[in-house]
Structures are given as C-alpha cells and as structure tokens.
N, C-alpha and C. Protein backbone atom coordinates (compact mmCIF):
# COMPACT_ATOMS: atom_id res chain seq x y z
N MET A 1 -25.47 -2.29 19.23
CA MET A 1 -26.49 -1.51 19.92
C MET A 1 -26.97 -0.39 18.42
N PHE A 2 -25.92 0.21 18.00
CA PHE A 2 -26.33 1.17 16.74
C PHE A 2 -26.04 0.29 15.59
N SER A 3 -26.73 0.57 14.55
CA SER A 3 -26.84 0.31 12.89
C SER A 3 -25.88 1.57 12.53
N HIS A 4 -26.10 2.72 12.45
CA HIS A 4 -25.32 3.91 12.15
C HIS A 4 -25.90 5.08 12.54
N VAL A 5 -24.36 6.05 12.60
CA VAL A 5 -24.73 7.22 12.74
C VAL A 5 -24.52 8.18 11.72
N PHE A 6 -25.05 9.36 11.43
CA PHE A 6 -25.06 9.80 10.45
C PHE A 6 -24.85 11.39 10.92
N ILE A 7 -24.29 12.17 10.34
CA ILE A 7 -24.06 13.75 10.57
C ILE A 7 -23.96 14.72 9.71
N GLY A 8 -24.96 15.74 9.53
CA GLY A 8 -24.93 16.71 8.39
C GLY A 8 -24.06 17.54 8.61
N VAL A 9 -23.73 17.85 7.16
CA VAL A 9 -22.58 18.93 6.92
C VAL A 9 -22.92 20.22 6.03
N SER A 10 -22.52 20.91 5.84
CA SER A 10 -22.58 22.14 5.33
C SER A 10 -21.79 21.87 3.94
N ASP A 11 -20.67 21.63 3.94
CA ASP A 11 -19.35 21.49 2.50
C ASP A 11 -18.95 20.21 3.17
N PHE A 12 -19.45 19.42 1.81
CA PHE A 12 -18.86 17.93 2.01
C PHE A 12 -17.82 17.93 1.43
N ASP A 13 -16.99 18.38 0.60
CA ASP A 13 -15.86 18.35 0.09
C ASP A 13 -15.17 18.56 1.75
N ARG A 14 -15.14 19.66 2.10
CA ARG A 14 -14.27 20.30 3.13
C ARG A 14 -14.24 19.21 4.45
N ALA A 15 -16.00 18.77 4.59
CA ALA A 15 -16.13 17.56 5.43
C ALA A 15 -15.36 16.35 5.46
N PHE A 16 -15.50 15.82 3.93
CA PHE A 16 -14.83 14.71 3.89
C PHE A 16 -13.12 14.81 4.00
N ALA A 17 -12.48 16.13 3.56
CA ALA A 17 -11.36 16.21 3.96
C ALA A 17 -10.92 15.87 5.34
N PHE A 18 -11.89 16.72 6.69
CA PHE A 18 -11.89 16.39 7.85
C PHE A 18 -11.75 15.10 8.26
N TYR A 19 -12.73 14.25 7.87
CA TYR A 19 -13.21 13.25 8.43
C TYR A 19 -12.38 11.75 8.17
N GLU A 20 -12.19 12.04 6.54
CA GLU A 20 -11.33 10.82 6.17
C GLU A 20 -9.67 10.15 7.06
N PRO A 21 -8.92 11.22 7.44
CA PRO A 21 -7.99 10.71 8.18
C PRO A 21 -8.25 10.44 9.43
N LEU A 22 -9.16 10.87 10.00
CA LEU A 22 -9.69 10.86 11.38
C LEU A 22 -10.04 9.38 11.54
N MET A 23 -11.06 8.85 10.64
CA MET A 23 -11.91 7.73 10.44
C MET A 23 -10.78 6.39 10.23
N ALA A 24 -9.69 6.94 9.17
CA ALA A 24 -8.44 6.03 8.81
C ALA A 24 -7.34 5.44 10.26
N ALA A 25 -7.40 6.73 11.08
CA ALA A 25 -6.59 6.70 12.48
C ALA A 25 -7.57 5.74 13.10
N LEU A 26 -8.88 6.04 12.99
CA LEU A 26 -9.27 4.75 13.86
C LEU A 26 -9.69 3.62 13.80
N GLY A 27 -9.20 3.48 12.47
CA GLY A 27 -9.34 2.07 11.53
C GLY A 27 -10.68 1.44 11.12
N ALA A 28 -11.06 2.60 10.88
CA ALA A 28 -12.61 2.58 10.20
C ALA A 28 -12.46 2.40 8.57
N ARG A 29 -13.19 1.51 7.91
CA ARG A 29 -12.95 1.65 6.60
C ARG A 29 -13.86 2.34 5.58
N LEU A 30 -13.45 3.30 4.72
CA LEU A 30 -14.44 3.87 3.72
C LEU A 30 -15.26 3.10 3.30
N ARG A 31 -16.66 2.57 3.38
CA ARG A 31 -17.42 1.89 2.52
C ARG A 31 -18.04 2.62 1.17
N ILE A 32 -18.99 3.65 1.47
CA ILE A 32 -19.15 4.59 0.45
C ILE A 32 -18.96 6.13 0.25
N HIS A 33 -18.50 6.76 -1.03
CA HIS A 33 -17.73 7.98 -1.35
C HIS A 33 -18.91 8.46 -2.10
N ASP A 34 -19.61 9.20 -2.30
CA ASP A 34 -20.87 9.53 -3.34
C ASP A 34 -20.73 11.07 -3.14
N PRO A 35 -19.69 11.96 -4.04
CA PRO A 35 -19.97 13.37 -3.81
C PRO A 35 -21.32 13.75 -4.63
N ALA A 36 -21.71 12.96 -5.30
CA ALA A 36 -22.79 13.58 -6.02
C ALA A 36 -24.08 13.60 -5.55
N LYS A 37 -24.33 12.59 -4.22
CA LYS A 37 -25.56 12.59 -3.52
C LYS A 37 -25.62 13.83 -2.34
N PRO A 38 -24.57 14.16 -1.82
CA PRO A 38 -23.18 14.08 -1.69
C PRO A 38 -23.36 13.35 -0.03
N TRP A 39 -22.77 12.23 0.02
CA TRP A 39 -22.42 11.50 1.13
C TRP A 39 -21.28 10.62 1.34
N ALA A 40 -20.73 10.19 2.67
CA ALA A 40 -19.48 9.41 2.67
C ALA A 40 -19.85 8.31 3.81
N VAL A 41 -19.70 6.83 3.87
CA VAL A 41 -19.94 6.46 5.26
C VAL A 41 -18.95 5.38 5.29
N TRP A 42 -18.23 5.29 6.55
CA TRP A 42 -17.21 4.52 7.04
C TRP A 42 -17.67 3.14 7.72
N GLN A 43 -17.44 2.02 7.59
CA GLN A 43 -17.74 1.07 8.32
C GLN A 43 -16.27 0.66 9.54
N SER A 44 -17.08 0.29 10.37
CA SER A 44 -15.93 -0.01 11.70
C SER A 44 -15.59 -1.41 11.46
N GLU A 45 -14.59 -1.97 12.00
CA GLU A 45 -13.81 -3.44 11.46
C GLU A 45 -14.00 -4.02 12.90
N PRO A 46 -14.67 -5.59 12.96
CA PRO A 46 -14.46 -6.16 11.54
C PRO A 46 -16.12 -5.83 10.74
N GLY A 47 -16.65 -5.36 11.36
CA GLY A 47 -17.81 -5.02 10.28
C GLY A 47 -18.88 -5.81 10.47
N PRO A 48 -20.25 -5.60 9.91
CA PRO A 48 -20.46 -4.86 9.25
C PRO A 48 -20.71 -3.35 9.76
N ARG A 49 -21.22 -3.29 10.82
CA ARG A 49 -21.66 -2.40 11.79
C ARG A 49 -21.33 -2.36 13.26
N PRO A 50 -21.22 -1.09 13.63
CA PRO A 50 -21.89 0.23 12.84
C PRO A 50 -21.14 0.91 12.11
N LEU A 51 -22.05 1.97 11.57
CA LEU A 51 -21.39 2.71 10.33
C LEU A 51 -21.52 4.02 10.72
N PHE A 52 -20.74 5.15 10.26
CA PHE A 52 -20.45 6.32 10.40
C PHE A 52 -20.70 7.14 9.30
N GLY A 53 -21.50 8.00 9.05
CA GLY A 53 -21.81 8.83 7.71
C GLY A 53 -21.56 10.59 8.11
N ILE A 54 -21.48 10.98 6.88
CA ILE A 54 -21.57 12.30 7.03
C ILE A 54 -22.00 12.77 5.30
N GLY A 55 -23.09 13.65 5.62
CA GLY A 55 -23.73 14.36 4.05
C GLY A 55 -24.52 15.34 4.50
N LYS A 56 -24.87 15.96 3.09
CA LYS A 56 -25.90 17.10 3.35
C LYS A 56 -27.14 16.63 3.91
N PRO A 57 -27.63 17.27 4.53
CA PRO A 57 -29.11 17.06 5.27
C PRO A 57 -29.83 16.75 4.04
N PHE A 58 -30.69 15.61 4.46
CA PHE A 58 -31.55 14.90 3.59
C PHE A 58 -32.98 15.79 3.43
N ASP A 59 -33.33 16.51 3.96
CA ASP A 59 -34.12 17.49 3.60
C ASP A 59 -34.01 18.66 2.80
N GLY A 60 -32.88 18.70 2.58
CA GLY A 60 -32.31 19.70 1.63
C GLY A 60 -32.08 21.25 2.43
N GLN A 61 -32.65 21.39 3.49
CA GLN A 61 -32.34 22.66 4.21
C GLN A 61 -30.97 22.59 4.79
N PRO A 62 -30.53 23.80 5.38
CA PRO A 62 -28.93 24.11 5.69
C PRO A 62 -28.81 23.03 6.86
N HIS A 63 -27.52 23.05 7.14
CA HIS A 63 -27.05 22.13 8.14
C HIS A 63 -27.30 23.06 9.59
N ALA A 64 -27.27 22.49 10.49
CA ALA A 64 -27.51 23.15 11.89
C ALA A 64 -26.51 22.12 13.06
N ALA A 65 -25.55 22.68 13.65
CA ALA A 65 -24.93 21.69 14.61
C ALA A 65 -26.15 21.52 16.04
N GLY A 66 -26.36 20.59 16.42
CA GLY A 66 -27.37 20.35 17.45
C GLY A 66 -26.57 20.99 19.01
N ASN A 67 -27.41 21.50 19.67
CA ASN A 67 -26.69 21.55 21.28
C ASN A 67 -27.07 20.63 21.72
N GLY A 68 -26.08 19.88 22.50
CA GLY A 68 -26.08 18.78 23.51
C GLY A 68 -26.05 17.69 22.70
N GLN A 69 -25.70 17.49 21.47
CA GLN A 69 -25.73 16.23 20.46
C GLN A 69 -24.01 16.18 20.60
N MET A 70 -23.58 15.07 20.28
CA MET A 70 -22.50 14.64 20.29
C MET A 70 -22.35 13.14 20.21
N THR A 71 -21.12 12.83 18.83
CA THR A 71 -20.82 11.36 18.56
C THR A 71 -19.68 11.18 19.48
N ALA A 72 -19.39 10.27 20.07
CA ALA A 72 -18.31 9.70 20.73
C ALA A 72 -17.85 8.20 19.80
N PHE A 73 -15.94 8.28 19.39
CA PHE A 73 -15.58 6.99 18.90
C PHE A 73 -14.92 6.74 20.11
N VAL A 74 -14.14 5.26 19.86
CA VAL A 74 -13.88 4.48 20.92
C VAL A 74 -12.21 4.73 20.30
N ALA A 75 -11.46 4.71 21.31
CA ALA A 75 -9.81 4.47 20.65
C ALA A 75 -9.53 3.41 21.52
N PRO A 76 -8.92 2.45 21.19
CA PRO A 76 -8.11 1.22 22.26
C PRO A 76 -7.09 1.76 23.25
N THR A 77 -6.56 2.95 22.49
CA THR A 77 -5.22 3.48 23.60
C THR A 77 -5.41 5.01 24.08
N ARG A 78 -4.99 5.36 25.15
CA ARG A 78 -4.64 7.04 25.23
C ARG A 78 -4.01 7.80 24.21
N ALA A 79 -2.96 7.04 23.55
CA ALA A 79 -1.85 7.46 22.32
C ALA A 79 -2.73 7.97 21.31
N LEU A 80 -3.84 6.94 20.94
CA LEU A 80 -4.82 7.40 19.86
C LEU A 80 -5.48 8.34 19.85
N VAL A 81 -6.05 8.29 21.16
CA VAL A 81 -7.10 9.54 21.61
C VAL A 81 -6.10 11.14 21.31
N ASP A 82 -4.80 10.92 22.09
CA ASP A 82 -4.14 12.40 21.82
C ASP A 82 -3.95 12.45 19.94
N ALA A 83 -3.61 11.40 19.45
CA ALA A 83 -3.33 11.58 17.67
C ALA A 83 -4.36 12.19 17.25
N VAL A 84 -5.66 11.71 17.57
CA VAL A 84 -7.01 11.62 16.87
C VAL A 84 -7.17 13.31 16.99
N HIS A 85 -7.22 13.78 18.38
CA HIS A 85 -7.64 15.14 18.81
C HIS A 85 -6.45 15.90 18.00
N ALA A 86 -4.98 15.94 18.10
CA ALA A 86 -4.22 16.69 17.32
C ALA A 86 -4.86 16.77 16.00
N LEU A 87 -5.02 15.75 15.22
CA LEU A 87 -5.60 15.37 13.87
C LEU A 87 -6.83 16.25 13.45
N ALA A 88 -7.64 16.37 14.33
CA ALA A 88 -8.48 16.59 14.38
C ALA A 88 -8.39 18.36 14.22
N ILE A 89 -7.60 19.09 15.45
CA ILE A 89 -7.48 20.20 15.29
C ILE A 89 -6.38 20.69 13.88
N SER A 90 -5.59 19.86 13.25
CA SER A 90 -4.70 20.45 12.38
C SER A 90 -5.51 20.11 11.07
N ARG A 91 -6.77 19.62 10.97
CA ARG A 91 -7.49 19.49 9.88
C ARG A 91 -8.76 20.63 10.23
N GLY A 92 -8.73 21.60 10.35
CA GLY A 92 -9.96 22.62 10.94
C GLY A 92 -10.91 22.25 12.01
N GLY A 93 -10.61 21.37 12.86
CA GLY A 93 -11.56 21.40 13.79
C GLY A 93 -11.09 22.02 15.09
N SER A 94 -12.11 22.39 16.32
CA SER A 94 -11.73 23.39 17.00
C SER A 94 -11.90 22.44 18.47
N CYS A 95 -11.15 22.91 19.37
CA CYS A 95 -11.16 21.78 21.01
C CYS A 95 -12.17 22.48 21.61
N GLU A 96 -12.56 21.61 22.32
CA GLU A 96 -13.64 21.33 23.47
C GLU A 96 -13.28 20.70 24.74
N GLY A 97 -12.12 20.71 24.51
CA GLY A 97 -11.46 19.54 25.94
C GLY A 97 -10.41 19.08 25.41
N PRO A 98 -8.97 19.50 25.47
CA PRO A 98 -8.15 18.63 25.24
C PRO A 98 -7.62 16.96 26.13
N PRO A 99 -7.07 16.00 25.20
CA PRO A 99 -7.07 14.78 25.94
C PRO A 99 -6.74 14.85 27.38
N GLY A 100 -7.17 14.19 28.17
CA GLY A 100 -6.86 13.83 29.54
C GLY A 100 -8.09 13.06 30.20
N LEU A 101 -7.43 12.43 31.39
CA LEU A 101 -8.33 11.73 32.35
C LEU A 101 -9.70 12.38 32.69
N ARG A 102 -10.46 11.81 32.62
CA ARG A 102 -11.87 12.59 33.49
C ARG A 102 -12.78 11.40 34.20
N PRO A 103 -11.90 11.09 35.14
CA PRO A 103 -12.12 10.55 36.18
C PRO A 103 -13.89 10.47 37.10
N HIS A 104 -14.44 11.65 36.74
CA HIS A 104 -15.76 11.66 37.12
C HIS A 104 -16.46 11.17 36.57
N TYR A 105 -16.40 10.69 35.45
CA TYR A 105 -16.77 9.53 34.36
C TYR A 105 -16.49 7.92 34.87
N HIS A 106 -15.50 7.60 34.67
CA HIS A 106 -14.73 6.62 35.80
C HIS A 106 -13.17 6.73 35.59
N ALA A 107 -12.66 5.73 36.55
CA ALA A 107 -11.40 5.73 36.79
C ALA A 107 -10.29 5.93 35.47
N ASN A 108 -10.78 5.20 34.31
CA ASN A 108 -9.71 5.08 33.66
C ASN A 108 -9.99 5.91 32.07
N TYR A 109 -11.14 6.46 32.16
CA TYR A 109 -11.96 7.38 31.22
C TYR A 109 -10.73 8.41 30.60
N TYR A 110 -10.41 7.85 29.67
CA TYR A 110 -9.58 9.22 28.73
C TYR A 110 -9.94 9.93 27.62
N GLY A 111 -10.57 11.06 27.60
CA GLY A 111 -10.99 11.47 26.47
C GLY A 111 -10.50 13.00 25.94
N ALA A 112 -11.01 13.16 24.83
CA ALA A 112 -10.75 14.42 24.14
C ALA A 112 -11.91 14.89 23.13
N TYR A 113 -12.22 16.21 23.61
CA TYR A 113 -13.82 16.72 22.69
C TYR A 113 -13.03 17.56 21.81
N PHE A 114 -13.49 17.54 20.54
CA PHE A 114 -13.45 18.72 19.56
C PHE A 114 -14.87 19.02 18.58
N ARG A 115 -14.66 19.95 17.97
CA ARG A 115 -15.73 19.97 17.11
C ARG A 115 -15.28 20.15 15.48
N ASP A 116 -15.94 19.48 14.14
CA ASP A 116 -15.98 19.49 13.18
C ASP A 116 -15.84 20.86 12.72
N PRO A 117 -15.21 21.04 11.45
CA PRO A 117 -15.67 22.72 10.79
C PRO A 117 -17.19 22.85 11.02
N ASP A 118 -18.02 22.50 10.88
CA ASP A 118 -19.42 22.56 10.90
C ASP A 118 -20.25 22.95 12.40
N GLY A 119 -19.46 22.46 13.29
CA GLY A 119 -19.75 22.83 14.65
C GLY A 119 -20.02 21.76 14.90
N ASN A 120 -20.16 20.49 14.68
CA ASN A 120 -21.02 19.12 15.42
C ASN A 120 -19.58 18.61 16.24
N LYS A 121 -19.93 18.08 17.13
CA LYS A 121 -19.16 17.82 18.61
C LYS A 121 -18.88 16.46 18.91
N LEU A 122 -17.70 16.29 18.58
CA LEU A 122 -17.01 14.84 18.52
C LEU A 122 -16.47 14.71 19.84
N CYS A 123 -16.09 13.46 20.09
CA CYS A 123 -15.27 12.73 21.22
C CYS A 123 -14.53 11.41 20.84
N VAL A 124 -13.17 11.44 21.03
CA VAL A 124 -12.64 10.16 21.16
C VAL A 124 -12.04 9.59 22.39
N ALA A 125 -12.70 8.42 22.94
CA ALA A 125 -12.50 8.12 24.14
C ALA A 125 -11.66 6.55 24.26
N CYS A 126 -10.94 6.80 25.29
CA CYS A 126 -10.30 5.00 25.73
C CYS A 126 -11.04 5.06 27.23
N HIS A 127 -10.95 3.72 27.38
CA HIS A 127 -11.55 3.44 28.64
C HIS A 127 -10.61 2.20 29.05
N ALA A 128 -9.58 2.04 28.71
CA ALA A 128 -8.55 1.21 29.27
C ALA A 128 -7.70 1.70 30.12
N ALA A 129 -6.93 1.20 31.13
CA ALA A 129 -5.96 1.67 32.26
C ALA A 129 -4.57 2.03 31.40
N GLN A 130 -4.00 2.88 31.79
CA GLN A 130 -3.10 3.40 31.15
C GLN A 130 -2.04 2.15 30.72
N GLU A 131 -1.57 2.25 29.31
CA GLU A 131 -0.80 1.19 28.69
C GLU A 131 0.50 1.35 29.95
N ALA A 132 1.23 0.15 29.52
CA ALA A 132 2.57 0.29 30.26
C ALA A 132 3.73 0.61 29.32
N ALA A 133 4.39 1.51 30.18
CA ALA A 133 5.62 2.16 29.43
C ALA A 133 6.58 1.17 29.37
C-alpha cells in the first residue's frame, strides 16, 4: 500500500543517531544516507518498498511535529516491541505508552508508543499471539 513514509526532523545528526539503531533492530537496511541534503532512507526487507526516511523539511521551514500523526512499525514478536521501545527511550525518545496488550484494537495487539527527539509520534506493534515460552 505504501511507497514510503518520510518524517521531518530539526537536527539530522541527532535524528540519525536515534533512528539508525531502531531501524537495524527492526531489520530495515540503510539505503540512503546523505548528510549534505540532509536525509536518510531505510528499506524494508525483502524490499524494495516500503521505505522509511528522515530529513529536514524540503521547503526549508522549521520542522513541526503533527498532532494526530503517527508512524507505526510492525514487529514479528512482542519481545522486539519491548526491545525497540527501550532502545527508543535510551536514545532520547519519550514514552507515550509502554509496551503492552491493547485488546481494544484486537485480541493480540501488543504495542508501544514513543516520540522521537523532535516530537514525532511513533509506534511499534506486534499483531501475533503470544510466543510460546
């Protein structure tokens, strides 16, 4: 359904330091990294799309996080939801909802919500049933 998602940032180096380990944990490969523009794009595997990118707003205006906008990443396990949320917080993100079941979405929805250092709201969610212990 999606070709790509692009999120504006105010400080590219800070944003890249935040997103690079999150994308690696989610299995996305860095496809473009051009600090001169500045922008970076990760490719989902097996690819080639969708893509996820960050960069300074194209119009040259300051970045502003949108109210009601959110980008959500899928995780194959609940453990990965926990790990990515913890990683995001450790990299300067802020918690918008800790990892946990949210059965009001569906019985197996396990998600976590956080904001990046620029205030962009993100989610990582697993839709699978609990893994066998």
